Amino acid sequence: MSRKQLRNDSLVGFLGFFAALSVIQAAINVMRPEPEIWPAVLALVLVVATVLAWKAPRK
């Protein structure tokens, strides 16, 4: 593996881990009597960033 591929894989892993945690937090937040919007927005941003990093061209 090249250095660029390792960096990209590390980024995908980092983003994926925190995206999974934020999706769980957003799901828990929905169950509360007065849910807030920021956990869902954070989850959306992290999931989109993960997908973009995963789909980044590998040369």
Protein backbone atom coordinates (compact mmCIF):
# COMPACT_ATOMS: atom_id res chain seq x y z
CA MET A 1 0.00 0.00 0.00
CA SER A 2 1.16 3.47 -0.72
CA ARG A 3 1.33 6.23 1.81
CA LYS A 4 -1.64 8.01 0.20
CA GLN A 5 -3.81 4.87 0.40
CA LEU A 6 -2.89 4.36 4.05
CA ARG A 7 -3.77 7.97 4.83
CA ASN A 8 -7.12 7.65 3.04
CA ASP A 9 -7.93 4.37 4.81
CA SER A 10 -7.08 5.94 8.16
CA LEU A 11 -9.34 8.89 7.39
CA VAL A 12 -12.21 6.59 6.39
CA GLY A 13 -11.77 4.59 9.60
CA PHE A 14 -11.65 7.70 11.78
CA LEU A 15 -14.68 9.28 10.13
CA GLY A 16 -16.58 5.99 10.04
CA PHE A 17 -16.08 5.39 13.75
CA PHE A 18 -17.31 8.81 14.77
CA ALA A 19 -20.11 8.70 12.20
CA ALA A 20 -21.36 5.46 13.76
CA LEU A 21 -21.23 6.97 17.24
CA SER A 22 -23.07 10.08 16.10
CA VAL A 23 -25.79 8.05 14.35
CA ILE A 24 -26.36 6.12 17.58
CA GLN A 25 -26.49 9.38 19.53
CA ALA A 26 -28.95 10.88 17.03
CA ALA A 27 -31.18 7.80 17.32
CA ILE A 28 -31.14 8.05 21.11
CA ASN A 29 -31.87 11.77 20.83
CA VAL A 30 -35.03 11.09 18.80
CA MET A 31 -36.45 9.11 21.74
CA ARG A 32 -36.19 12.06 24.12
CA PRO A 33 -39.24 14.20 24.92
CA GLU A 34 -37.67 17.30 23.34
CA PRO A 35 -35.08 16.21 20.75
CA GLU A 36 -32.48 18.64 19.47
CA ILE A 37 -31.38 19.06 15.86
CA TRP A 38 -27.59 19.18 16.24
CA PRO A 39 -27.00 15.42 16.79
CA ALA A 40 -28.76 14.64 13.51
CA VAL A 41 -26.86 17.38 11.66
CA LEU A 42 -23.54 16.13 13.05
CA ALA A 43 -24.43 12.56 12.04
CA LEU A 44 -25.33 13.71 8.53
CA VAL A 45 -22.09 15.67 8.11
CA LEU A 46 -19.95 12.78 9.35
CA VAL A 47 -21.72 10.18 7.22
CA VAL A 48 -21.39 12.35 4.10
CA ALA A 49 -17.70 12.99 4.86
CA THR A 50 -17.13 9.26 5.35
CA VAL A 51 -18.78 8.39 2.04
CA LEU A 52 -16.83 11.09 0.20
CA ALA A 53 -13.55 9.89 1.69
CA TRP A 54 -14.44 6.29 0.87
CA LYS A 55 -15.36 7.13 -2.73
CA ALA A 56 -12.28 9.30 -3.25
CA PRO A 57 -10.34 8.21 -6.32
CA ARG A 58 -7.60 5.73 -5.52
CA LYS A 59 -4.67 6.12 -7.89
